[in-house]
Amino acid sequence: MKLQAPKQITFWIAVILAVLGLLGQLVVIPVVSGVAFWLVLAAFVLLLLGVLFDGI
């Protein structure tokens, strides 16, 4: 299995999701705080898919 770097847009979307999730966990943000864990998990899965599959 050959791994490659994710596209730049994929990386930045994952970073934004992770930062929103972390902020939602540390500070009470009405919409984000309830799903903070899932945002961080989605960011991780997005990066994982970007590394495993070409073109993501």
PDB file of N, CA and C in Angstrom:
ATOM      1  N   MET A   1       0.858  -1.176   0.000  1.00  0.00           N
ATOM      2  CA  MET A   1       0.000   0.000   0.000  1.00  0.00           C
ATOM      3  C   MET A   1       0.897   1.230   0.000  1.00  0.00           C
ATOM      4  N   LYS A   2       0.724   2.049  -1.025  1.00  0.00           N
ATOM      5  CA  LYS A   2       1.521   3.259  -1.137  1.00  0.00           C
ATOM      6  C   LYS A   2       0.716   4.452  -0.625  1.00  0.00           C
ATOM      7  N   LEU A   3       1.317   5.220   0.267  1.00  0.00           N
ATOM      8  CA  LEU A   3       0.661   6.396   0.827  1.00  0.00           C
ATOM      9  C   LEU A   3       1.147   7.641   0.109  1.00  0.00           C
ATOM     10  N   GLN A   4       0.280   8.638   0.019  1.00  0.00           N
ATOM     11  CA  GLN A   4       0.659   9.908  -0.589  1.00  0.00           C
ATOM     12  C   GLN A   4       0.083  11.043   0.231  1.00  0.00           C
ATOM     13  N   ALA A   5       0.618  12.214   0.019  1.00  0.00           N
ATOM     14  CA  ALA A   5       0.126  13.387   0.742  1.00  0.00           C
ATOM     15  C   ALA A   5      -1.258  13.751   0.232  1.00  0.00           C
ATOM     16  N   PRO A   6      -2.145  14.176   1.118  1.00  0.00           N
ATOM     17  CA  PRO A   6      -3.472  14.609   0.670  1.00  0.00           C
ATOM     18  C   PRO A   6      -3.370  15.932  -0.076  1.00  0.00           C
ATOM     19  N   LYS A   7      -4.380  16.242  -0.856  1.00  0.00           N
ATOM     20  CA  LYS A   7      -4.405  17.536  -1.529  1.00  0.00           C
ATOM     21  C   LYS A   7      -4.446  18.646  -0.485  1.00  0.00           C
ATOM     22  N   GLN A   8      -4.014  19.803  -0.886  1.00  0.00           N
ATOM     23  CA  GLN A   8      -3.941  20.919   0.046  1.00  0.00           C
ATOM     24  C   GLN A   8      -5.323  21.308   0.574  1.00  0.00           C
ATOM     25  N   ILE A   9      -6.343  21.283  -0.254  1.00  0.00           N
ATOM     26  CA  ILE A   9      -7.692  21.647   0.188  1.00  0.00           C
ATOM     27  C   ILE A   9      -8.216  20.636   1.207  1.00  0.00           C
ATOM     28  N   THR A  10      -7.905  19.359   0.994  1.00  0.00           N
ATOM     29  CA  THR A  10      -8.311  18.323   1.945  1.00  0.00           C
ATOM     30  C   THR A  10      -7.653  18.555   3.298  1.00  0.00           C
ATOM     31  N   PHE A  11      -6.372  18.881   3.265  1.00  0.00           N
ATOM     32  CA  PHE A  11      -5.653  19.143   4.501  1.00  0.00           C
ATOM     33  C   PHE A  11      -6.263  20.325   5.251  1.00  0.00           C
ATOM     34  N   TRP A  12      -6.547  21.417   4.552  1.00  0.00           N
ATOM     35  CA  TRP A  12      -7.064  22.611   5.227  1.00  0.00           C
ATOM     36  C   TRP A  12      -8.482  22.416   5.746  1.00  0.00           C
ATOM     37  N   ILE A  13      -9.297  21.663   5.029  1.00  0.00           N
ATOM     38  CA  ILE A  13     -10.644  21.359   5.534  1.00  0.00           C
ATOM     39  C   ILE A  13     -10.539  20.536   6.816  1.00  0.00           C
ATOM     40  N   ALA A  14      -9.633  19.571   6.833  1.00  0.00           N
ATOM     41  CA  ALA A  14      -9.432  18.758   8.033  1.00  0.00           C
ATOM     42  C   ALA A  14      -8.923  19.604   9.198  1.00  0.00           C
ATOM     43  N   VAL A  15      -8.032  20.531   8.923  1.00  0.00           N
ATOM     44  CA  VAL A  15      -7.519  21.414   9.982  1.00  0.00           C
ATOM     45  C   VAL A  15      -8.639  22.283  10.542  1.00  0.00           C
ATOM     46  N   ILE A  16      -9.466  22.831   9.674  1.00  0.00           N
ATOM     47  CA  ILE A  16     -10.579  23.677  10.123  1.00  0.00           C
ATOM     48  C   ILE A  16     -11.560  22.872  10.978  1.00  0.00           C
ATOM     49  N   LEU A  17     -11.886  21.662  10.535  1.00  0.00           N
ATOM     50  CA  LEU A  17     -12.782  20.806  11.316  1.00  0.00           C
ATOM     51  C   LEU A  17     -12.187  20.479  12.687  1.00  0.00           C
ATOM     52  N   ALA A  18     -10.900  20.168  12.717  1.00  0.00           N
ATOM     53  CA  ALA A  18     -10.256  19.830  13.982  1.00  0.00           C
ATOM     54  C   ALA A  18     -10.215  21.028  14.922  1.00  0.00           C
ATOM     55  N   VAL A  19      -9.905  22.198  14.405  1.00  0.00           N
ATOM     56  CA  VAL A  19      -9.861  23.409  15.239  1.00  0.00           C
ATOM     57  C   VAL A  19     -11.249  23.741  15.767  1.00  0.00           C
ATOM     58  N   LEU A  20     -12.257  23.633  14.931  1.00  0.00           N
ATOM     59  CA  LEU A  20     -13.627  23.869  15.402  1.00  0.00           C
ATOM     60  C   LEU A  20     -14.013  22.875  16.496  1.00  0.00           C
ATOM     61  N   GLY A  21     -13.635  21.620  16.316  1.00  0.00           N
ATOM     62  CA  GLY A  21     -13.929  20.609  17.328  1.00  0.00           C
ATOM     63  C   GLY A  21     -13.217  20.879  18.638  1.00  0.00           C
ATOM     64  N   LEU A  22     -11.965  21.272  18.555  1.00  0.00           N
ATOM     65  CA  LEU A  22     -11.221  21.577  19.777  1.00  0.00           C
ATOM     66  C   LEU A  22     -11.772  22.812  20.474  1.00  0.00           C
ATOM     67  N   LEU A  23     -12.088  23.841  19.715  1.00  0.00           N
ATOM     68  CA  LEU A  23     -12.686  25.037  20.304  1.00  0.00           C
ATOM     69  C   LEU A  23     -14.046  24.717  20.927  1.00  0.00           C
ATOM     70  N   GLY A  24     -14.812  23.887  20.261  1.00  0.00           N
ATOM     71  CA  GLY A  24     -16.115  23.505  20.784  1.00  0.00           C
ATOM     72  C   GLY A  24     -16.016  22.718  22.071  1.00  0.00           C
ATOM     73  N   GLN A  25     -14.915  22.012  22.245  1.00  0.00           N
ATOM     74  CA  GLN A  25     -14.714  21.254  23.480  1.00  0.00           C
ATOM     75  C   GLN A  25     -14.253  22.162  24.618  1.00  0.00           C
ATOM     76  N   LEU A  26     -13.464  23.173  24.296  1.00  0.00           N
ATOM     77  CA  LEU A  26     -12.897  24.038  25.328  1.00  0.00           C
ATOM     78  C   LEU A  26     -13.790  25.221  25.686  1.00  0.00           C
ATOM     79  N   VAL A  27     -14.528  25.742  24.702  1.00  0.00           N
ATOM     80  CA  VAL A  27     -15.381  26.912  24.893  1.00  0.00           C
ATOM     81  C   VAL A  27     -16.792  26.529  24.473  1.00  0.00           C
ATOM     82  N   VAL A  28     -17.776  27.003  25.180  1.00  0.00           N
ATOM     83  CA  VAL A  28     -19.161  26.673  24.841  1.00  0.00           C
ATOM     84  C   VAL A  28     -19.581  27.487  23.612  1.00  0.00           C
ATOM     85  N   ILE A  29     -19.724  26.786  22.487  1.00  0.00           N
ATOM     86  CA  ILE A  29     -20.226  27.355  21.247  1.00  0.00           C
ATOM     87  C   ILE A  29     -21.510  26.594  20.942  1.00  0.00           C
ATOM     88  N   PRO A  30     -22.657  27.282  20.879  1.00  0.00           N
ATOM     89  CA  PRO A  30     -23.952  26.586  20.814  1.00  0.00           C
ATOM     90  C   PRO A  30     -24.050  25.476  19.770  1.00  0.00           C
ATOM     91  N   VAL A  31     -23.644  25.728  18.557  1.00  0.00           N
ATOM     92  CA  VAL A  31     -23.827  24.725  17.501  1.00  0.00           C
ATOM     93  C   VAL A  31     -22.709  23.686  17.521  1.00  0.00           C
ATOM     94  N   VAL A  32     -21.516  24.103  17.846  1.00  0.00           N
ATOM     95  CA  VAL A  32     -20.339  23.244  17.700  1.00  0.00           C
ATOM     96  C   VAL A  32     -20.094  22.361  18.918  1.00  0.00           C
ATOM     97  N   SER A  33     -20.381  22.842  20.095  1.00  0.00           N
ATOM     98  CA  SER A  33     -20.009  22.115  21.312  1.00  0.00           C
ATOM     99  C   SER A  33     -20.651  20.733  21.419  1.00  0.00           C
ATOM    100  N   GLY A  34     -21.844  20.585  20.917  1.00  0.00           N
ATOM    101  CA  GLY A  34     -22.517  19.295  20.983  1.00  0.00           C
ATOM    102  C   GLY A  34     -21.924  18.232  20.082  1.00  0.00           C
ATOM    103  N   VAL A  35     -21.237  18.654  19.045  1.00  0.00           N
ATOM    104  CA  VAL A  35     -20.676  17.712  18.079  1.00  0.00           C
ATOM    105  C   VAL A  35     -19.155  17.841  17.973  1.00  0.00           C
ATOM    106  N   ALA A  36     -18.525  18.362  19.009  1.00  0.00           N
ATOM    107  CA  ALA A  36     -17.082  18.620  18.967  1.00  0.00           C
ATOM    108  C   ALA A  36     -16.283  17.344  18.712  1.00  0.00           C
ATOM    109  N   PHE A  37     -16.626  16.288  19.411  1.00  0.00           N
ATOM    110  CA  PHE A  37     -15.917  15.017  19.220  1.00  0.00           C
ATOM    111  C   PHE A  37     -16.048  14.536  17.782  1.00  0.00           C
ATOM    112  N   TRP A  38     -17.238  14.633  17.221  1.00  0.00           N
ATOM    113  CA  TRP A  38     -17.475  14.147  15.865  1.00  0.00           C
ATOM    114  C   TRP A  38     -16.759  14.992  14.824  1.00  0.00           C
ATOM    115  N   LEU A  39     -16.586  16.280  15.097  1.00  0.00           N
ATOM    116  CA  LEU A  39     -15.829  17.130  14.181  1.00  0.00           C
ATOM    117  C   LEU A  39     -14.359  16.713  14.125  1.00  0.00           C
ATOM    118  N   VAL A  40     -13.787  16.440  15.282  1.00  0.00           N
ATOM    119  CA  VAL A  40     -12.389  16.004  15.314  1.00  0.00           C
ATOM    120  C   VAL A  40     -12.246  14.631  14.660  1.00  0.00           C
ATOM    121  N   LEU A  41     -13.186  13.753  14.914  1.00  0.00           N
ATOM    122  CA  LEU A  41     -13.155  12.434  14.278  1.00  0.00           C
ATOM    123  C   LEU A  41     -13.290  12.555  12.756  1.00  0.00           C
ATOM    124  N   ALA A  42     -14.178  13.415  12.287  1.00  0.00           N
ATOM    125  CA  ALA A  42     -14.346  13.625  10.852  1.00  0.00           C
ATOM    126  C   ALA A  42     -13.071  14.190  10.227  1.00  0.00           C
ATOM    127  N   ALA A  43     -12.393  15.077  10.933  1.00  0.00           N
ATOM    128  CA  ALA A  43     -11.132  15.629  10.430  1.00  0.00           C
ATOM    129  C   ALA A  43     -10.090  14.524  10.287  1.00  0.00           C
ATOM    130  N   PHE A  44     -10.003  13.661  11.293  1.00  0.00           N
ATOM    131  CA  PHE A  44      -9.049  12.563  11.230  1.00  0.00           C
ATOM    132  C   PHE A  44      -9.372  11.603  10.080  1.00  0.00           C
ATOM    133  N   VAL A  45     -10.624  11.259   9.931  1.00  0.00           N
ATOM    134  CA  VAL A  45     -11.028  10.341   8.855  1.00  0.00           C
ATOM    135  C   VAL A  45     -10.769  10.974   7.491  1.00  0.00           C
ATOM    136  N   LEU A  46     -11.032  12.268   7.364  1.00  0.00           N
ATOM    137  CA  LEU A  46     -10.769  12.960   6.102  1.00  0.00           C
ATOM    138  C   LEU A  46      -9.286  12.912   5.758  1.00  0.00           C
ATOM    139  N   LEU A  47      -8.422  13.161   6.735  1.00  0.00           N
ATOM    140  CA  LEU A  47      -6.982  13.063   6.482  1.00  0.00           C
ATOM    141  C   LEU A  47      -6.578  11.636   6.142  1.00  0.00           C
ATOM    142  N   LEU A  48      -7.145  10.666   6.835  1.00  0.00           N
ATOM    143  CA  LEU A  48      -6.849   9.273   6.548  1.00  0.00           C
ATOM    144  C   LEU A  48      -7.213   8.914   5.106  1.00  0.00           C
ATOM    145  N   LEU A  49      -8.401   9.331   4.684  1.00  0.00           N
ATOM    146  CA  LEU A  49      -8.818   9.066   3.306  1.00  0.00           C
ATOM    147  C   LEU A  49      -7.931   9.790   2.308  1.00  0.00           C
ATOM    148  N   GLY A  50      -7.510  11.004   2.637  1.00  0.00           N
ATOM    149  CA  GLY A  50      -6.624  11.748   1.756  1.00  0.00           C
ATOM    150  C   GLY A  50      -5.263  11.098   1.598  1.00  0.00           C
ATOM    151  N   VAL A  51      -4.797  10.414   2.630  1.00  0.00           N
ATOM    152  CA  VAL A  51      -3.503   9.734   2.568  1.00  0.00           C
ATOM    153  C   VAL A  51      -3.628   8.396   1.849  1.00  0.00           C
ATOM    154  N   LEU A  52      -4.734   7.705   2.035  1.00  0.00           N
ATOM    155  CA  LEU A  52      -4.877   6.366   1.461  1.00  0.00           C
ATOM    156  C   LEU A  52      -5.285   6.362  -0.012  1.00  0.00           C
ATOM    157  N   PHE A  53      -6.133   7.299  -0.420  1.00  0.00           N
ATOM    158  CA  PHE A  53      -6.660   7.286  -1.779  1.00  0.00           C
ATOM    159  C   PHE A  53      -6.110   8.463  -2.580  1.00  0.00           C
ATOM    160  N   ASP A  54      -5.739   8.182  -3.800  1.00  0.00           N
ATOM    161  CA  ASP A  54      -5.190   9.219  -4.682  1.00  0.00           C
ATOM    162  C   ASP A  54      -6.318  10.130  -5.176  1.00  0.00           C
ATOM    163  N   GLY A  55      -6.076  11.412  -5.168  1.00  0.00           N
ATOM    164  CA  GLY A  55      -7.043  12.368  -5.705  1.00  0.00           C
ATOM    165  C   GLY A  55      -7.986  12.964  -4.678  1.00  0.00           C
ATOM    166  N   ILE A  56      -7.824  12.612  -3.425  1.00  0.00           N
ATOM    167  CA  ILE A  56      -8.701  13.179  -2.387  1.00  0.00           C
ATOM    168  C   ILE A  56      -7.915  14.222  -1.637  1.00  0.00           C
TER     169      ILE A  56
END
